[in-house]
Amino acid sequence: MGKAALAVDIGATKIALAIVGNDYEVAEKTELVIGPKSSSELWRSISGEAEDLLATLNGDLVGVGIGSAGPIHLERGRISPVNIPIWREFPIVEKFQELSGNNNVVLHGDAMALAHAEHILGAGKDCANMLGMVVSTGVGGGLIIDNKVFTGDSGNSSFIGHQTINFDGELCACGRRGCVETYASGPRMVAIAKERGWNSGDSFIDLAASARTGDAVALTTIDEGARALAIGIVNTLGNLDIHTVVVGGGVSQAGEIYWSPLRKHLTIESKYAGFLDDINLRPAALDRNAGLIGAALGVLDDGSVVK
């Protein structure tokens, strides 16, 4: 494999780690469920897996790339994921510097990592400007502007999951009301469907399966979740005047039962802008490894990050 990076993808419910080589191939991948752990317990679990992976490299470590659910604190190397309340201002960069003995540790937001990977290797290879979206346990966005990752001042540009689209709406985990994530994430769609009487499972996979059988509650809830995401996407594309969006994450893998209403609502919402008639909606091409590859690109694709 030669020189390689340790890649870390921190989601709301799972953390994935892997070795990613200069060829961008993912190897030795492992996943941890976050579960009801304390901050120190969670770090011990992560560090144990990371040490095992690093031992396979024989010293050929370029650095550590981290993609994390947000918000992140880029200048301080810290993270405060909304859905991991045990981590507030957690010094993730310093922890991995100490663990790896390598100071080349680069932090992305998780959707930034997906956008980076899809731009270099996946569905956005031909795009100078694009929005990347992760729709899973949470909802996040990442931007490519002029062929480079755009982080913003603090590392949290296009923080779409916590745009409010209904100021009198449901209370979000972030403390705000009516956030996109409150309607559009997988777990929230499941919770809303259950409030309406659906009882055919506990996951978005189950909800999508029910929708495919024609279950009215499942179909309506997914349609509303897709509409919420479409509004967040159109708001962001309109602010920036860009026209391509690449969507990945677990919810996006449900197939046409999700993509059909998402396309419909993007068409409806975008027509009001007057300049977004040709939104180019693309499914992520790298599937579950996009976050890991994007995290690794933070150290393997030197010089690509705009700060």
Protein backbone atom coordinates (compact mmCIF):
# COMPACT_ATOMS: atom_id res chain seq x y z
CA MET A 1 0.00 0.00 0.00
CA GLY A 2 2.91 2.38 0.64
CA LYS A 3 2.16 5.67 2.34
CA ALA A 4 -1.32 5.83 3.85
CA ALA A 5 -3.62 7.79 6.14
CA LEU A 6 -5.64 6.75 9.13
CA ALA A 7 -9.18 7.88 8.30
CA VAL A 8 -11.82 8.53 10.95
CA ASP A 9 -15.49 9.16 10.14
CA ILE A 10 -17.49 10.30 13.19
CA GLY A 11 -21.23 10.11 12.70
CA ALA A 12 -24.10 10.54 15.13
CA THR A 13 -24.46 6.85 15.98
CA LYS A 14 -21.36 5.16 14.53
CA ILE A 15 -17.67 5.86 14.16
CA ALA A 16 -15.77 4.24 11.30
CA LEU A 17 -11.98 3.94 11.07
CA ALA A 18 -9.86 2.63 8.23
CA ILE A 19 -6.52 2.77 6.50
CA VAL A 20 -6.69 4.64 3.18
CA GLY A 21 -3.74 4.45 0.81
CA ASN A 22 -2.42 6.88 -1.80
CA ASP A 23 -4.62 5.00 -4.27
CA TYR A 24 -7.64 6.01 -2.14
CA GLU A 25 -8.50 2.37 -1.51
CA VAL A 26 -10.09 1.66 1.89
CA ALA A 27 -8.55 -1.17 3.89
CA GLU A 28 -8.88 -2.64 7.38
CA LYS A 29 -12.18 -0.87 7.97
CA THR A 30 -13.83 -1.13 11.38
CA GLU A 31 -16.95 0.45 12.90
CA LEU A 32 -17.97 1.27 16.46
CA VAL A 33 -21.45 1.96 17.76
CA ILE A 34 -21.33 5.02 20.02
CA GLY A 35 -23.98 3.80 22.48
CA PRO A 36 -24.41 5.01 26.08
CA LYS A 37 -20.74 5.64 26.81
CA SER A 38 -18.99 8.37 28.74
CA SER A 39 -16.55 10.64 26.91
CA SER A 40 -13.53 8.75 28.25
CA GLU A 41 -15.07 5.35 27.47
CA LEU A 42 -15.84 6.37 23.91
CA TRP A 43 -12.30 7.64 23.40
CA ARG A 44 -10.84 4.41 24.82
CA SER A 45 -12.88 2.40 22.33
CA ILE A 46 -11.76 4.58 19.43
CA SER A 47 -8.12 4.70 20.46
CA GLY A 48 -7.96 0.92 20.85
CA GLU A 49 -9.22 0.37 17.31
CA ALA A 50 -6.96 3.12 15.96
CA GLU A 51 -3.87 1.60 17.59
CA ASP A 52 -4.64 -1.77 15.98
CA LEU A 53 -4.96 -0.13 12.56
CA LEU A 54 -1.79 1.92 12.95
CA ALA A 55 0.12 -1.23 13.84
CA THR A 56 -0.54 -2.54 10.31
CA LEU A 57 1.28 0.37 8.67
CA ASN A 58 4.88 -0.29 9.69
CA GLY A 59 5.50 3.44 10.11
CA ASP A 60 4.18 4.50 6.67
CA LEU A 61 1.70 7.01 8.08
CA VAL A 62 1.17 10.27 6.19
CA GLY A 63 -1.24 11.57 8.80
CA VAL A 64 -4.73 11.27 10.26
CA GLY A 65 -7.81 12.60 8.50
CA ILE A 66 -10.97 13.13 10.53
CA GLY A 67 -14.48 13.82 9.28
CA SER A 68 -16.90 14.61 12.10
CA ALA A 69 -20.53 15.46 12.57
CA GLY A 70 -20.80 19.10 13.53
CA PRO A 71 -20.42 21.63 14.70
CA ILE A 72 -16.66 21.50 14.59
CA HIS A 73 -14.16 24.07 15.88
CA LEU A 74 -11.57 23.98 13.14
CA GLU A 75 -9.02 26.43 14.54
CA ARG A 76 -8.99 24.69 17.93
CA GLY A 77 -9.13 21.15 16.54
CA ARG A 78 -12.21 20.37 18.60
CA ILE A 79 -15.68 18.95 17.93
CA SER A 80 -19.13 19.29 19.51
CA PRO A 81 -21.44 17.00 17.47
CA VAL A 82 -25.09 17.85 18.13
CA ASN A 83 -26.04 14.20 18.46
CA ILE A 84 -23.08 13.20 20.67
CA PRO A 85 -23.81 15.27 23.80
CA ILE A 86 -20.94 13.67 25.77
CA TRP A 87 -18.51 15.48 23.45
CA ARG A 88 -18.47 19.25 23.76
CA GLU A 89 -15.25 20.96 22.65
CA PHE A 90 -13.67 17.50 22.54
CA PRO A 91 -9.99 17.92 21.53
CA ILE A 92 -10.06 15.32 18.78
CA VAL A 93 -7.03 16.64 16.85
CA GLU A 94 -4.79 16.71 19.91
CA LYS A 95 -5.96 13.22 20.91
CA PHE A 96 -5.02 11.75 17.53
CA GLN A 97 -1.73 13.62 17.43
CA GLU A 98 -0.78 12.03 20.74
CA LEU A 99 -2.08 8.61 19.71
CA SER A 100 -0.38 8.49 16.32
CA GLY A 101 2.80 10.41 17.11
CA ASN A 102 2.09 12.41 13.95
CA ASN A 103 1.21 16.13 13.98
CA ASN A 104 -0.39 15.96 10.52
CA VAL A 105 -3.98 15.60 11.71
CA VAL A 106 -6.62 17.34 9.57
CA LEU A 107 -10.23 17.88 10.63
CA HIS A 108 -13.23 18.17 8.27
CA GLY A 109 -16.94 18.24 8.92
CA ASP A 110 -18.39 14.86 7.89
CA ALA A 111 -20.38 16.32 5.01
CA MET A 112 -17.31 18.31 3.98
CA ALA A 113 -15.46 15.01 3.81
CA LEU A 114 -18.18 13.50 1.63
CA ALA A 115 -18.16 16.53 -0.67
CA HIS A 116 -14.36 16.34 -0.94
CA ALA A 117 -14.40 12.65 -1.82
CA GLU A 118 -17.23 12.93 -4.31
CA HIS A 119 -15.52 15.90 -5.98
CA ILE A 120 -12.18 14.11 -6.37
CA LEU A 121 -13.38 10.56 -7.09
CA GLY A 122 -17.16 10.34 -7.30
CA ALA A 123 -20.30 11.98 -8.61
CA GLY A 124 -18.91 15.53 -8.59
CA LYS A 125 -15.67 15.01 -10.52
CA ASP A 126 -16.72 17.38 -13.29
CA CYS A 127 -18.00 20.17 -11.02
CA ALA A 128 -16.08 23.29 -10.07
CA ASN A 129 -18.87 24.19 -7.65
CA MET A 130 -21.08 21.72 -5.81
CA LEU A 131 -22.96 21.10 -2.60
CA GLY A 132 -22.48 17.72 -0.92
CA MET A 133 -25.14 16.42 1.50
CA VAL A 134 -25.16 13.66 4.10
CA VAL A 135 -28.66 12.49 5.06
CA SER A 136 -28.55 9.85 7.75
CA THR A 137 -28.95 10.05 11.54
CA GLY A 138 -28.21 13.73 11.01
CA VAL A 139 -28.24 16.08 8.04
CA GLY A 140 -25.15 18.00 6.97
CA GLY A 141 -23.70 19.89 4.04
CA GLY A 142 -20.28 20.49 2.54
CA LEU A 143 -19.17 22.89 -0.18
CA ILE A 144 -16.80 22.77 -3.12
CA ILE A 145 -16.15 26.27 -4.48
CA ASP A 146 -13.77 26.83 -7.40
CA ASN A 147 -12.62 23.19 -7.18
CA LYS A 148 -11.63 23.46 -3.51
CA VAL A 149 -13.24 22.52 -0.22
CA PHE A 150 -14.66 25.65 1.37
CA THR A 151 -14.75 25.38 5.15
CA GLY A 152 -15.85 28.87 6.15
CA ASP A 153 -14.39 30.71 9.13
CA SER A 154 -14.99 28.00 11.73
CA GLY A 155 -15.21 24.89 9.55
CA ASN A 156 -19.01 24.78 9.43
CA SER A 157 -20.05 26.27 6.10
CA SER A 158 -23.40 25.00 4.74
CA PHE A 159 -24.57 23.78 8.16
CA ILE A 160 -27.84 22.88 6.48
CA GLY A 161 -29.23 20.42 9.00
CA HIS A 162 -29.71 23.25 11.46
CA GLN A 163 -31.22 25.83 9.15
CA THR A 164 -34.71 26.47 10.48
CA ILE A 165 -37.50 26.07 7.93
CA ASN A 166 -40.34 26.45 10.47
CA PHE A 167 -39.72 28.84 13.36
CA ASP A 168 -42.72 27.42 15.27
CA GLY A 169 -41.78 23.84 14.46
CA GLU A 170 -40.47 20.83 16.35
CA LEU A 171 -37.71 21.37 18.89
CA CYS A 172 -34.38 20.17 17.49
CA ALA A 173 -31.59 18.52 19.48
CA CYS A 174 -29.56 21.68 18.84
CA GLY A 175 -32.12 23.75 20.80
CA ARG A 176 -33.60 25.56 17.83
CA ARG A 177 -37.06 24.94 16.40
CA GLY A 178 -37.99 23.67 12.96
CA CYS A 179 -34.54 22.65 11.72
CA VAL A 180 -34.23 20.72 8.46
CA GLU A 181 -32.80 17.77 10.42
CA THR A 182 -35.91 17.67 12.63
CA TYR A 183 -37.97 16.58 9.62
CA ALA A 184 -35.47 15.11 7.16
CA SER A 185 -33.14 12.77 9.08
CA GLY A 186 -33.79 9.03 9.10
CA PRO A 187 -34.55 8.71 12.85
CA ARG A 188 -36.80 11.76 12.82
CA MET A 189 -38.85 10.46 9.91
CA VAL A 190 -39.26 7.18 11.81
CA ALA A 191 -40.32 9.05 14.98
CA ILE A 192 -42.84 11.19 13.07
CA ALA A 193 -44.32 8.10 11.36
CA LYS A 194 -44.70 6.38 14.73
CA GLU A 195 -46.50 9.43 16.14
CA ARG A 196 -48.95 8.99 13.26
CA GLY A 197 -49.58 5.32 14.02
CA TRP A 198 -47.01 3.49 11.90
CA ASN A 199 -45.67 0.47 13.80
CA SER A 200 -43.93 -1.72 11.26
CA GLY A 201 -40.35 -1.26 12.46
CA ASP A 202 -37.78 0.93 14.12
CA SER A 203 -35.47 2.09 11.34
CA PHE A 204 -35.63 4.16 8.18
CA ILE A 205 -34.99 0.95 6.24
CA ASP A 206 -38.24 -0.39 7.70
CA LEU A 207 -40.07 2.86 6.94
CA ALA A 208 -38.90 2.81 3.32
CA ALA A 209 -39.96 -0.83 2.99
CA SER A 210 -43.45 0.08 4.24
CA ALA A 211 -43.62 2.95 1.77
CA ARG A 212 -42.84 0.55 -1.08
CA THR A 213 -45.90 -1.51 -0.11
CA GLY A 214 -48.07 1.61 -0.32
CA ASP A 215 -48.36 2.40 3.39
CA ALA A 216 -49.91 5.88 3.43
CA VAL A 217 -48.24 7.07 6.63
CA ALA A 218 -44.79 5.96 5.46
CA LEU A 219 -45.26 7.56 2.06
CA THR A 220 -46.45 10.85 3.52
CA THR A 221 -43.67 11.03 6.11
CA ILE A 222 -40.92 10.34 3.58
CA ASP A 223 -42.46 12.88 1.20
CA GLU A 224 -42.42 15.52 3.95
CA GLY A 225 -38.85 14.65 4.91
CA ALA A 226 -37.76 14.95 1.28
CA ARG A 227 -39.54 18.30 1.04
CA ALA A 228 -37.73 19.59 4.14
CA LEU A 229 -34.39 18.59 2.66
CA ALA A 230 -35.29 20.11 -0.70
CA ILE A 231 -36.07 23.45 0.98
CA GLY A 232 -32.72 23.42 2.78
CA ILE A 233 -30.90 22.56 -0.44
CA VAL A 234 -32.67 25.25 -2.47
CA ASN A 235 -32.02 27.87 0.22
CA THR A 236 -28.32 27.04 0.11
CA LEU A 237 -28.01 26.80 -3.67
CA GLY A 238 -29.86 30.09 -4.00
CA ASN A 239 -27.53 31.85 -1.59
CA LEU A 240 -24.49 30.67 -3.51
CA ASP A 241 -25.84 30.51 -7.08
CA ILE A 242 -24.57 26.97 -7.64
CA HIS A 243 -26.55 24.24 -9.35
CA THR A 244 -25.14 20.80 -8.50
CA VAL A 245 -25.90 18.82 -5.35
CA VAL A 246 -24.60 15.35 -4.51
CA VAL A 247 -26.56 13.50 -1.83
CA GLY A 248 -25.23 10.56 0.18
CA GLY A 249 -25.79 8.92 3.55
CA GLY A 250 -27.98 6.06 4.67
CA VAL A 251 -31.32 7.67 3.84
CA SER A 252 -30.21 8.35 0.27
CA GLN A 253 -29.65 4.63 -0.28
CA ALA A 254 -33.39 3.88 -0.05
CA GLY A 255 -33.81 4.13 -3.82
CA GLU A 256 -36.68 5.69 -5.77
CA ILE A 257 -39.05 5.70 -2.80
CA TYR A 258 -36.88 8.58 -1.52
CA TRP A 259 -35.33 10.03 -4.68
CA SER A 260 -38.64 10.50 -6.50
CA PRO A 261 -40.16 12.86 -3.89
CA LEU A 262 -36.80 14.61 -3.43
CA ARG A 263 -36.61 15.37 -7.17
CA LYS A 264 -40.24 16.50 -7.16
CA HIS A 265 -39.78 18.92 -4.28
CA LEU A 266 -36.51 20.30 -5.61
CA THR A 267 -38.32 21.14 -8.86
CA ILE A 268 -41.20 22.77 -7.01
CA GLU A 269 -39.09 24.79 -4.56
CA SER A 270 -36.44 25.91 -7.03
CA LYS A 271 -38.80 27.44 -9.58
CA TYR A 272 -39.47 30.44 -7.35
CA ALA A 273 -35.84 31.61 -7.45
CA GLY A 274 -35.97 32.29 -11.18
CA PHE A 275 -32.38 31.09 -11.73
CA LEU A 276 -32.33 27.54 -10.30
CA ASP A 277 -34.35 25.79 -13.00
CA ASP A 278 -31.55 23.39 -13.87
CA ILE A 279 -30.56 21.93 -10.47
CA ASN A 280 -28.39 18.89 -11.09
CA LEU A 281 -29.24 16.33 -8.37
CA ARG A 282 -26.84 13.39 -8.18
CA PRO A 283 -26.61 10.37 -5.86
CA ALA A 284 -23.24 9.95 -4.17
CA ALA A 285 -21.11 7.42 -6.04
CA LEU A 286 -18.87 6.25 -3.19
CA ASP A 287 -21.62 4.91 -0.90
CA ARG A 288 -20.64 4.12 2.69
CA ASN A 289 -16.92 4.80 2.20
CA ALA A 290 -17.30 8.40 1.01
CA GLY A 291 -16.79 9.83 4.50
CA LEU A 292 -13.66 7.78 5.16
CA ILE A 293 -12.13 8.61 1.80
CA GLY A 294 -12.96 12.28 2.24
CA ALA A 295 -11.45 12.30 5.73
CA ALA A 296 -8.27 10.72 4.36
CA LEU A 297 -8.12 13.29 1.56
CA GLY A 298 -7.54 15.90 4.22
CA VAL A 299 -3.98 14.60 4.44
CA LEU A 300 -3.57 12.77 1.11
CA ASP A 301 -4.78 15.64 -1.11
CA ASP A 302 -2.42 18.27 0.23
CA GLY A 303 -3.33 21.89 -0.39
CA SER A 304 -6.94 21.33 -1.41
CA VAL A 305 -8.61 22.83 1.66
CA VAL A 306 -9.48 26.51 1.69
CA LYS A 307 -9.49 27.97 5.20
